[in-house]
Amino acid sequence: MSVQPKKHLGQHFLTDENICRKIVEQYINFGGTNNVLEISPGMGAITKYFLNIEDIHLEVMEIDTESVAYLEENYPQLKNKIHGEDFLKTDLAPFFNGEKFAVVGNFPYNISSQILFQCIKYRNQVPEIMGMFQKEVAERVAEPPGSKKYGILSVMMQTYYDIKYCFTVSENVFNPTPKVKSGVIRCVRNKRTELPVDEKLFERVVKSTFNQRRKTIKNGLKAICDVSLLPEQEHPFLKQRAETLSVDDFIELTKMVDLAIKKV
């Protein structure tokens, strides 16, 4: 029995055993947590290597019923550990009895960014993320301020995680072969527990300024607040563009926006 990749699920199955081993070795060598939730395991290319590690408590989440049947038939160790649920719509709080766990996988290209935002939502329960992404997305997540690749996803992920770009993967090791290369990144929860600003407002500020990334920060904030109330003299980065600001800058900017809103 084998599983046919499904385009609507964004499935690209890894076929290179060396790459599969390398992903798991990267995870283990950097001292990953013992609880691991693998997303979209498909036919278990990465799964089997995690199952070979004694101290790893592995569970998987897969919405493709054909893949679930394959996993049940070929990996009896996964009995009662296969969740046929949509990761983006699942309450992760009860997983592993509420203990912390890592999210890993060869993530479907079409929902990879959404997977990261779901992890951010549960960031205090998900201290680590390690996965395969379209190379452009992987680079964007890891990119520091100052380039065109740096954007909303970069800021939101780097607010809560330290990011390491691990390695690039050729398009030739997948079935079907994608049109682009892939990249593996590792994300480890940083020391920010709570932001000193309203998190929803922070996200609005980040999105508003990047959605107008060709304009100055000040012009990008017009949809949120009366920009004439912002202390432009004290904060010259209001004349800059969003891609130049660090996470700490965005936190400072959110404080300014919050004060401007309260003045009205």
C-alpha atoms as a PDB file:
ATOM      1  CA  MET A   1       0.000   0.000   0.000  1.00  0.00           C
ATOM      2  CA  SER A   2       1.194   3.511  -0.800  1.00  0.00           C
ATOM      3  CA  VAL A   3      -0.385   6.949  -0.602  1.00  0.00           C
ATOM      4  CA  GLN A   4      -0.999   9.154  -3.609  1.00  0.00           C
ATOM      5  CA  PRO A   5       0.027  12.782  -2.938  1.00  0.00           C
ATOM      6  CA  LYS A   6      -2.966  15.106  -3.030  1.00  0.00           C
ATOM      7  CA  LYS A   7      -2.530  18.542  -4.532  1.00  0.00           C
ATOM      8  CA  HIS A   8      -5.392  20.110  -2.573  1.00  0.00           C
ATOM      9  CA  LEU A   9      -3.634  19.108   0.667  1.00  0.00           C
ATOM     10  CA  GLY A  10      -0.298  20.509  -0.491  1.00  0.00           C
ATOM     11  CA  GLN A  11       1.359  17.106  -0.100  1.00  0.00           C
ATOM     12  CA  HIS A  12       4.960  16.660  -1.243  1.00  0.00           C
ATOM     13  CA  PHE A  13       6.326  13.444   0.267  1.00  0.00           C
ATOM     14  CA  LEU A  14      10.016  13.306   1.203  1.00  0.00           C
ATOM     15  CA  THR A  15      11.807  10.447  -0.564  1.00  0.00           C
ATOM     16  CA  ASP A  16      15.413  10.984   0.566  1.00  0.00           C
ATOM     17  CA  GLU A  17      16.209   9.007   3.715  1.00  0.00           C
ATOM     18  CA  ASN A  18      19.327  11.063   4.421  1.00  0.00           C
ATOM     19  CA  ILE A  19      17.284  14.265   4.583  1.00  0.00           C
ATOM     20  CA  CYS A  20      14.723  12.595   6.859  1.00  0.00           C
ATOM     21  CA  ARG A  21      17.470  11.439   9.221  1.00  0.00           C
ATOM     22  CA  LYS A  22      19.141  14.841   9.104  1.00  0.00           C
ATOM     23  CA  ILE A  23      15.962  16.614  10.202  1.00  0.00           C
ATOM     24  CA  VAL A  24      15.513  14.307  13.191  1.00  0.00           C
ATOM     25  CA  GLU A  25      19.222  14.467  14.084  1.00  0.00           C
ATOM     26  CA  GLN A  26      19.102  18.264  14.037  1.00  0.00           C
ATOM     27  CA  TYR A  27      16.200  18.131  16.445  1.00  0.00           C
ATOM     28  CA  ILE A  28      17.826  15.661  18.826  1.00  0.00           C
ATOM     29  CA  ASN A  29      21.297  17.208  18.706  1.00  0.00           C
ATOM     30  CA  PHE A  30      19.937  20.545  19.885  1.00  0.00           C
ATOM     31  CA  GLY A  31      18.210  18.988  22.879  1.00  0.00           C
ATOM     32  CA  GLY A  32      14.591  18.990  21.769  1.00  0.00           C
ATOM     33  CA  THR A  33      11.746  18.310  24.192  1.00  0.00           C
ATOM     34  CA  ASN A  34      10.625  14.667  24.524  1.00  0.00           C
ATOM     35  CA  ASN A  35       7.005  15.362  23.561  1.00  0.00           C
ATOM     36  CA  VAL A  36       6.699  15.700  19.792  1.00  0.00           C
ATOM     37  CA  LEU A  37       3.639  16.326  17.626  1.00  0.00           C
ATOM     38  CA  GLU A  38       4.327  15.693  13.952  1.00  0.00           C
ATOM     39  CA  ILE A  39       2.043  17.458  11.487  1.00  0.00           C
ATOM     40  CA  SER A  40       1.112  15.812   8.157  1.00  0.00           C
ATOM     41  CA  PRO A  41       3.373  12.741   8.433  1.00  0.00           C
ATOM     42  CA  GLY A  42       2.071  11.244   5.172  1.00  0.00           C
ATOM     43  CA  MET A  43       3.716   7.828   4.866  1.00  0.00           C
ATOM     44  CA  GLY A  44       5.975   8.361   7.847  1.00  0.00           C
ATOM     45  CA  ALA A  45       9.230   9.425   6.171  1.00  0.00           C
ATOM     46  CA  ILE A  46      10.259  11.420   9.244  1.00  0.00           C
ATOM     47  CA  THR A  47       8.007   9.559  11.661  1.00  0.00           C
ATOM     48  CA  LYS A  48       9.955   6.310  11.623  1.00  0.00           C
ATOM     49  CA  TYR A  49      13.141   8.012  12.766  1.00  0.00           C
ATOM     50  CA  PHE A  50      11.410   9.637  15.715  1.00  0.00           C
ATOM     51  CA  LEU A  51       9.882   6.276  16.628  1.00  0.00           C
ATOM     52  CA  ASN A  52      13.375   4.783  16.831  1.00  0.00           C
ATOM     53  CA  ILE A  53      14.352   7.174  19.621  1.00  0.00           C
ATOM     54  CA  GLU A  54      13.530   5.672  22.986  1.00  0.00           C
ATOM     55  CA  ASP A  55      12.815   8.820  24.982  1.00  0.00           C
ATOM     56  CA  ILE A  56      10.623  10.523  22.379  1.00  0.00           C
ATOM     57  CA  HIS A  57       6.883  10.540  23.028  1.00  0.00           C
ATOM     58  CA  LEU A  58       5.545  10.948  19.493  1.00  0.00           C
ATOM     59  CA  GLU A  59       2.019  11.676  18.339  1.00  0.00           C
ATOM     60  CA  VAL A  60       0.964  12.637  14.810  1.00  0.00           C
ATOM     61  CA  MET A  61      -1.809  14.689  13.231  1.00  0.00           C
ATOM     62  CA  GLU A  62      -3.018  13.837   9.741  1.00  0.00           C
ATOM     63  CA  ILE A  63      -6.270  14.758   7.991  1.00  0.00           C
ATOM     64  CA  ASP A  64      -5.659  12.611   4.908  1.00  0.00           C
ATOM     65  CA  THR A  65      -7.594   9.392   5.580  1.00  0.00           C
ATOM     66  CA  GLU A  66      -5.449   7.433   3.113  1.00  0.00           C
ATOM     67  CA  SER A  67      -2.307   8.464   4.988  1.00  0.00           C
ATOM     68  CA  VAL A  68      -3.932   7.573   8.314  1.00  0.00           C
ATOM     69  CA  ALA A  69      -4.717   4.081   7.022  1.00  0.00           C
ATOM     70  CA  TYR A  70      -1.119   3.686   5.844  1.00  0.00           C
ATOM     71  CA  LEU A  71       0.282   4.789   9.199  1.00  0.00           C
ATOM     72  CA  GLU A  72      -2.023   2.444  11.108  1.00  0.00           C
ATOM     73  CA  GLU A  73      -0.969  -0.480   8.932  1.00  0.00           C
ATOM     74  CA  ASN A  74       2.773   0.188   8.917  1.00  0.00           C
ATOM     75  CA  TYR A  75       3.455   1.750  12.309  1.00  0.00           C
ATOM     76  CA  PRO A  76       1.643  -0.181  15.052  1.00  0.00           C
ATOM     77  CA  GLN A  77       3.644   1.890  17.593  1.00  0.00           C
ATOM     78  CA  LEU A  78       1.337   4.781  16.697  1.00  0.00           C
ATOM     79  CA  LYS A  79      -1.775   3.039  17.977  1.00  0.00           C
ATOM     80  CA  ASN A  80      -4.004   5.611  19.702  1.00  0.00           C
ATOM     81  CA  LYS A  81      -1.471   8.328  18.795  1.00  0.00           C
ATOM     82  CA  ILE A  82      -2.826   9.327  15.387  1.00  0.00           C
ATOM     83  CA  HIS A  83      -5.096  12.377  15.410  1.00  0.00           C
ATOM     84  CA  GLY A  84      -7.241  12.717  12.294  1.00  0.00           C
ATOM     85  CA  GLU A  85      -7.789  16.415  12.906  1.00  0.00           C
ATOM     86  CA  ASP A  86      -7.082  19.711  11.224  1.00  0.00           C
ATOM     87  CA  PHE A  87      -4.165  21.310  13.085  1.00  0.00           C
ATOM     88  CA  LEU A  88      -5.418  24.794  12.287  1.00  0.00           C
ATOM     89  CA  LYS A  89      -8.792  24.119  13.912  1.00  0.00           C
ATOM     90  CA  THR A  90      -7.691  21.998  16.860  1.00  0.00           C
ATOM     91  CA  ASP A  91      -7.492  22.997  20.513  1.00  0.00           C
ATOM     92  CA  LEU A  92      -3.929  22.022  21.368  1.00  0.00           C
ATOM     93  CA  ALA A  93      -4.229  22.612  25.114  1.00  0.00           C
ATOM     94  CA  PRO A  94      -5.188  19.000  26.026  1.00  0.00           C
ATOM     95  CA  PHE A  95      -2.332  17.437  24.019  1.00  0.00           C
ATOM     96  CA  PHE A  96       0.266  15.553  26.046  1.00  0.00           C
ATOM     97  CA  ASN A  97      -1.886  16.145  29.133  1.00  0.00           C
ATOM     98  CA  GLY A  98      -1.196  19.845  28.956  1.00  0.00           C
ATOM     99  CA  GLU A  99       2.590  19.427  29.014  1.00  0.00           C
ATOM    100  CA  LYS A 100       4.875  21.271  26.638  1.00  0.00           C
ATOM    101  CA  PHE A 101       5.545  19.720  23.242  1.00  0.00           C
ATOM    102  CA  ALA A 102       7.377  20.431  19.994  1.00  0.00           C
ATOM    103  CA  VAL A 103       5.680  20.752  16.611  1.00  0.00           C
ATOM    104  CA  VAL A 104       7.634  19.165  13.757  1.00  0.00           C
ATOM    105  CA  GLY A 105       6.996  18.086  10.203  1.00  0.00           C
ATOM    106  CA  ASN A 106       7.343  18.415   6.481  1.00  0.00           C
ATOM    107  CA  PHE A 107       4.624  21.036   6.469  1.00  0.00           C
ATOM    108  CA  PRO A 108       2.207  21.401   3.536  1.00  0.00           C
ATOM    109  CA  TYR A 109       3.263  24.473   1.562  1.00  0.00           C
ATOM    110  CA  ASN A 110      -0.263  25.828   1.300  1.00  0.00           C
ATOM    111  CA  ILE A 111      -0.784  26.179   5.067  1.00  0.00           C
ATOM    112  CA  SER A 112       2.760  26.454   6.446  1.00  0.00           C
ATOM    113  CA  SER A 113       2.433  30.102   7.508  1.00  0.00           C
ATOM    114  CA  GLN A 114      -0.901  29.360   9.179  1.00  0.00           C
ATOM    115  CA  ILE A 115       0.725  26.493  11.073  1.00  0.00           C
ATOM    116  CA  LEU A 116       3.253  28.952  12.503  1.00  0.00           C
ATOM    117  CA  PHE A 117       0.521  31.386  13.563  1.00  0.00           C
ATOM    118  CA  GLN A 118      -1.275  28.507  15.289  1.00  0.00           C
ATOM    119  CA  CYS A 119       1.956  27.714  17.134  1.00  0.00           C
ATOM    120  CA  ILE A 120       2.252  31.356  18.185  1.00  0.00           C
ATOM    121  CA  LYS A 121      -1.228  31.113  19.659  1.00  0.00           C
ATOM    122  CA  TYR A 122      -0.071  28.188  21.813  1.00  0.00           C
ATOM    123  CA  ARG A 123       3.486  29.465  22.229  1.00  0.00           C
ATOM    124  CA  ASN A 124       3.691  28.788  25.958  1.00  0.00           C
ATOM    125  CA  GLN A 125       2.860  25.144  25.326  1.00  0.00           C
ATOM    126  CA  VAL A 126       4.916  24.857  22.116  1.00  0.00           C
ATOM    127  CA  PRO A 127       8.508  25.789  23.029  1.00  0.00           C
ATOM    128  CA  GLU A 128       9.940  24.394  19.790  1.00  0.00           C
ATOM    129  CA  ILE A 129       9.047  24.170  16.116  1.00  0.00           C
ATOM    130  CA  MET A 130      11.150  22.362  13.566  1.00  0.00           C
ATOM    131  CA  GLY A 131      10.021  21.829  10.044  1.00  0.00           C
ATOM    132  CA  MET A 132      10.359  21.906   6.312  1.00  0.00           C
ATOM    133  CA  PHE A 133       8.950  24.911   4.494  1.00  0.00           C
ATOM    134  CA  GLN A 134       9.100  26.379   1.040  1.00  0.00           C
ATOM    135  CA  LYS A 135      12.570  27.971   1.035  1.00  0.00           C
ATOM    136  CA  GLU A 136      11.169  31.464   0.595  1.00  0.00           C
ATOM    137  CA  VAL A 137       8.967  31.059   3.678  1.00  0.00           C
ATOM    138  CA  ALA A 138      11.776  29.543   5.752  1.00  0.00           C
ATOM    139  CA  GLU A 139      14.065  32.428   4.845  1.00  0.00           C
ATOM    140  CA  ARG A 140      11.362  34.975   5.606  1.00  0.00           C
ATOM    141  CA  VAL A 141      10.815  33.560   9.096  1.00  0.00           C
ATOM    142  CA  ALA A 142      14.538  33.693   9.880  1.00  0.00           C
ATOM    143  CA  GLU A 143      15.310  36.995   8.135  1.00  0.00           C
ATOM    144  CA  PRO A 144      16.560  39.893  10.298  1.00  0.00           C
ATOM    145  CA  PRO A 145      15.344  43.489   9.810  1.00  0.00           C
ATOM    146  CA  GLY A 146      16.556  45.442   6.823  1.00  0.00           C
ATOM    147  CA  SER A 147      15.624  43.372   3.781  1.00  0.00           C
ATOM    148  CA  LYS A 148      12.635  42.851   1.516  1.00  0.00           C
ATOM    149  CA  LYS A 149      12.240  39.292   2.817  1.00  0.00           C
ATOM    150  CA  TYR A 150      11.609  40.606   6.326  1.00  0.00           C
ATOM    151  CA  GLY A 151       7.873  40.935   6.886  1.00  0.00           C
ATOM    152  CA  ILE A 152       4.845  40.226   9.063  1.00  0.00           C
ATOM    153  CA  LEU A 153       5.685  36.549   9.577  1.00  0.00           C
ATOM    154  CA  SER A 154       9.292  37.451  10.455  1.00  0.00           C
ATOM    155  CA  VAL A 155       8.260  39.904  13.161  1.00  0.00           C
ATOM    156  CA  MET A 156       5.496  37.785  14.662  1.00  0.00           C
ATOM    157  CA  MET A 157       7.660  34.659  14.872  1.00  0.00           C
ATOM    158  CA  GLN A 158      10.755  36.479  16.111  1.00  0.00           C
ATOM    159  CA  THR A 159       8.672  38.155  18.807  1.00  0.00           C
ATOM    160  CA  TYR A 160       8.316  34.814  20.557  1.00  0.00           C
ATOM    161  CA  TYR A 161      10.942  32.495  19.050  1.00  0.00           C
ATOM    162  CA  ASP A 162      14.643  32.480  18.246  1.00  0.00           C
ATOM    163  CA  ILE A 163      14.966  31.243  14.669  1.00  0.00           C
ATOM    164  CA  LYS A 164      17.749  29.235  13.058  1.00  0.00           C
ATOM    165  CA  TYR A 165      17.836  28.438   9.343  1.00  0.00           C
ATOM    166  CA  CYS A 166      19.259  24.903   9.330  1.00  0.00           C
ATOM    167  CA  PHE A 167      19.706  23.841   5.705  1.00  0.00           C
ATOM    168  CA  THR A 168      18.285  23.971   2.187  1.00  0.00           C
ATOM    169  CA  VAL A 169      16.663  20.952   0.522  1.00  0.00           C
ATOM    170  CA  SER A 170      16.600  20.283  -3.213  1.00  0.00           C
ATOM    171  CA  GLU A 171      13.259  20.009  -4.986  1.00  0.00           C
ATOM    172  CA  ASN A 172      14.403  16.648  -6.379  1.00  0.00           C
ATOM    173  CA  VAL A 173      13.871  14.729  -3.118  1.00  0.00           C
ATOM    174  CA  PHE A 174      10.084  15.044  -3.110  1.00  0.00           C
ATOM    175  CA  ASN A 175       7.172  13.271  -4.727  1.00  0.00           C
ATOM    176  CA  PRO A 176       5.713  15.081  -6.566  1.00  0.00           C
ATOM    177  CA  THR A 177       8.617  17.401  -7.336  1.00  0.00           C
ATOM    178  CA  PRO A 178       7.778  20.967  -6.286  1.00  0.00           C
ATOM    179  CA  LYS A 179       8.784  23.944  -8.410  1.00  0.00           C
ATOM    180  CA  VAL A 180      10.854  25.451  -5.598  1.00  0.00           C
ATOM    181  CA  LYS A 181      13.507  24.444  -3.102  1.00  0.00           C
ATOM    182  CA  SER A 182      12.695  23.897   0.554  1.00  0.00           C
ATOM    183  CA  GLY A 183      14.318  25.020   3.769  1.00  0.00           C
ATOM    184  CA  VAL A 184      14.409  23.545   7.276  1.00  0.00           C
ATOM    185  CA  ILE A 185      14.208  25.906  10.229  1.00  0.00           C
ATOM    186  CA  ARG A 186      14.281  25.445  13.980  1.00  0.00           C
ATOM    187  CA  CYS A 187      12.376  27.817  16.257  1.00  0.00           C
ATOM    188  CA  VAL A 188      12.993  27.873  20.013  1.00  0.00           C
ATOM    189  CA  ARG A 189      10.858  29.860  22.425  1.00  0.00           C
ATOM    190  CA  ASN A 190      12.638  32.984  23.653  1.00  0.00           C
ATOM    191  CA  LYS A 191      12.378  34.700  27.033  1.00  0.00           C
ATOM    192  CA  ARG A 192       9.423  36.960  26.205  1.00  0.00           C
ATOM    193  CA  THR A 193       6.584  35.711  28.365  1.00  0.00           C
ATOM    194  CA  GLU A 194       4.112  38.553  27.961  1.00  0.00           C
ATOM    195  CA  LEU A 195       4.423  41.631  25.780  1.00  0.00           C
ATOM    196  CA  PRO A 196       4.397  44.998  27.593  1.00  0.00           C
ATOM    197  CA  VAL A 197       1.674  46.079  25.155  1.00  0.00           C
ATOM    198  CA  ASP A 198      -1.696  44.796  24.014  1.00  0.00           C
ATOM    199  CA  GLU A 199      -0.924  41.794  21.785  1.00  0.00           C
ATOM    200  CA  LYS A 200      -3.802  42.399  19.395  1.00  0.00           C
ATOM    201  CA  LEU A 201      -2.805  46.026  18.921  1.00  0.00           C
ATOM    202  CA  PHE A 202       0.813  44.934  18.404  1.00  0.00           C
ATOM    203  CA  GLU A 203      -0.283  42.577  15.634  1.00  0.00           C
ATOM    204  CA  ARG A 204      -2.422  45.317  14.044  1.00  0.00           C
ATOM    205  CA  VAL A 205       0.531  47.702  14.050  1.00  0.00           C
ATOM    206  CA  VAL A 206       2.828  45.116  12.447  1.00  0.00           C
ATOM    207  CA  LYS A 207       0.291  44.170   9.775  1.00  0.00           C
ATOM    208  CA  SER A 208      -0.774  47.742   9.001  1.00  0.00           C
ATOM    209  CA  THR A 209       2.776  48.997   8.495  1.00  0.00           C
ATOM    210  CA  PHE A 210       3.858  46.042   6.365  1.00  0.00           C
ATOM    211  CA  ASN A 211       0.685  46.187   4.292  1.00  0.00           C
ATOM    212  CA  GLN A 212       1.861  49.690   3.363  1.00  0.00           C
ATOM    213  CA  ARG A 213       5.529  48.734   3.269  1.00  0.00           C
ATOM    214  CA  ARG A 214       6.373  51.174   0.482  1.00  0.00           C
ATOM    215  CA  LYS A 215       5.182  54.013   2.658  1.00  0.00           C
ATOM    216  CA  THR A 216       6.672  55.378   5.867  1.00  0.00           C
ATOM    217  CA  ILE A 217       5.673  53.902   9.211  1.00  0.00           C
ATOM    218  CA  LYS A 218       3.647  57.031   9.938  1.00  0.00           C
ATOM    219  CA  ASN A 219       1.579  56.720   6.769  1.00  0.00           C
ATOM    220  CA  GLY A 220       1.063  53.016   7.397  1.00  0.00           C
ATOM    221  CA  LEU A 221      -0.546  53.757  10.752  1.00  0.00           C
ATOM    222  CA  LYS A 222      -3.273  56.083   9.471  1.00  0.00           C
ATOM    223  CA  ALA A 223      -5.868  53.315   9.541  1.00  0.00           C
ATOM    224  CA  ILE A 224      -5.221  52.712  13.252  1.00  0.00           C
ATOM    225  CA  CYS A 225      -4.785  56.103  14.882  1.00  0.00           C
ATOM    226  CA  ASP A 226      -4.539  59.845  14.407  1.00  0.00           C
ATOM    227  CA  VAL A 227      -0.892  60.000  13.323  1.00  0.00           C
ATOM    228  CA  SER A 228      -0.668  63.708  14.166  1.00  0.00           C
ATOM    229  CA  LEU A 229      -0.709  62.644  17.819  1.00  0.00           C
ATOM    230  CA  LEU A 230       2.414  60.483  17.453  1.00  0.00           C
ATOM    231  CA  PRO A 231       5.636  61.973  18.949  1.00  0.00           C
ATOM    232  CA  GLU A 232       7.544  62.092  15.692  1.00  0.00           C
ATOM    233  CA  GLN A 233      10.393  64.200  17.082  1.00  0.00           C
ATOM    234  CA  GLU A 234      11.166  61.634  19.765  1.00  0.00           C
ATOM    235  CA  HIS A 235      10.979  58.665  17.433  1.00  0.00           C
ATOM    236  CA  PRO A 236      12.547  59.304  14.021  1.00  0.00           C
ATOM    237  CA  PHE A 237      11.784  55.742  12.904  1.00  0.00           C
ATOM    238  CA  LEU A 238       8.266  56.971  12.106  1.00  0.00           C
ATOM    239  CA  LYS A 239       9.862  58.277   8.898  1.00  0.00           C
ATOM    240  CA  GLN A 240      11.337  54.860   8.101  1.00  0.00           C
ATOM    241  CA  ARG A 241       9.725  51.819   6.504  1.00  0.00           C
ATOM    242  CA  ALA A 242       8.439  48.755   8.309  1.00  0.00           C
ATOM    243  CA  GLU A 243      11.234  46.464   7.103  1.00  0.00           C
ATOM    244  CA  THR A 244      13.811  48.486   9.079  1.00  0.00           C
ATOM    245  CA  LEU A 245      12.195  47.983  12.497  1.00  0.00           C
ATOM    246  CA  SER A 246      13.164  45.256  14.975  1.00  0.00           C
ATOM    247  CA  VAL A 247      10.721  43.483  17.272  1.00  0.00           C
ATOM    248  CA  ASP A 248      11.665  45.859  20.096  1.00  0.00           C
ATOM    249  CA  ASP A 249      11.030  48.812  17.773  1.00  0.00           C
ATOM    250  CA  PHE A 250       7.565  47.484  16.998  1.00  0.00           C
ATOM    251  CA  ILE A 251       6.864  47.110  20.713  1.00  0.00           C
ATOM    252  CA  GLU A 252       7.904  50.735  21.236  1.00  0.00           C
ATOM    253  CA  LEU A 253       5.797  51.796  18.253  1.00  0.00           C
ATOM    254  CA  THR A 254       2.764  49.992  19.669  1.00  0.00           C
ATOM    255  CA  LYS A 255       3.145  51.896  22.941  1.00  0.00           C
ATOM    256  CA  MET A 256       3.094  55.157  20.971  1.00  0.00           C
ATOM    257  CA  VAL A 257       0.028  54.111  18.997  1.00  0.00           C
ATOM    258  CA  ASP A 258      -1.749  53.085  22.190  1.00  0.00           C
ATOM    259  CA  LEU A 259      -1.101  56.531  23.696  1.00  0.00           C
ATOM    260  CA  ALA A 260      -2.324  58.243  20.517  1.00  0.00           C
ATOM    261  CA  ILE A 261      -5.543  56.209  20.574  1.00  0.00           C
ATOM    262  CA  LYS A 262      -6.167  57.096  24.227  1.00  0.00           C
ATOM    263  CA  LYS A 263      -5.713  60.821  23.526  1.00  0.00           C
ATOM    264  CA  VAL A 264      -8.744  60.899  21.225  1.00  0.00           C
END
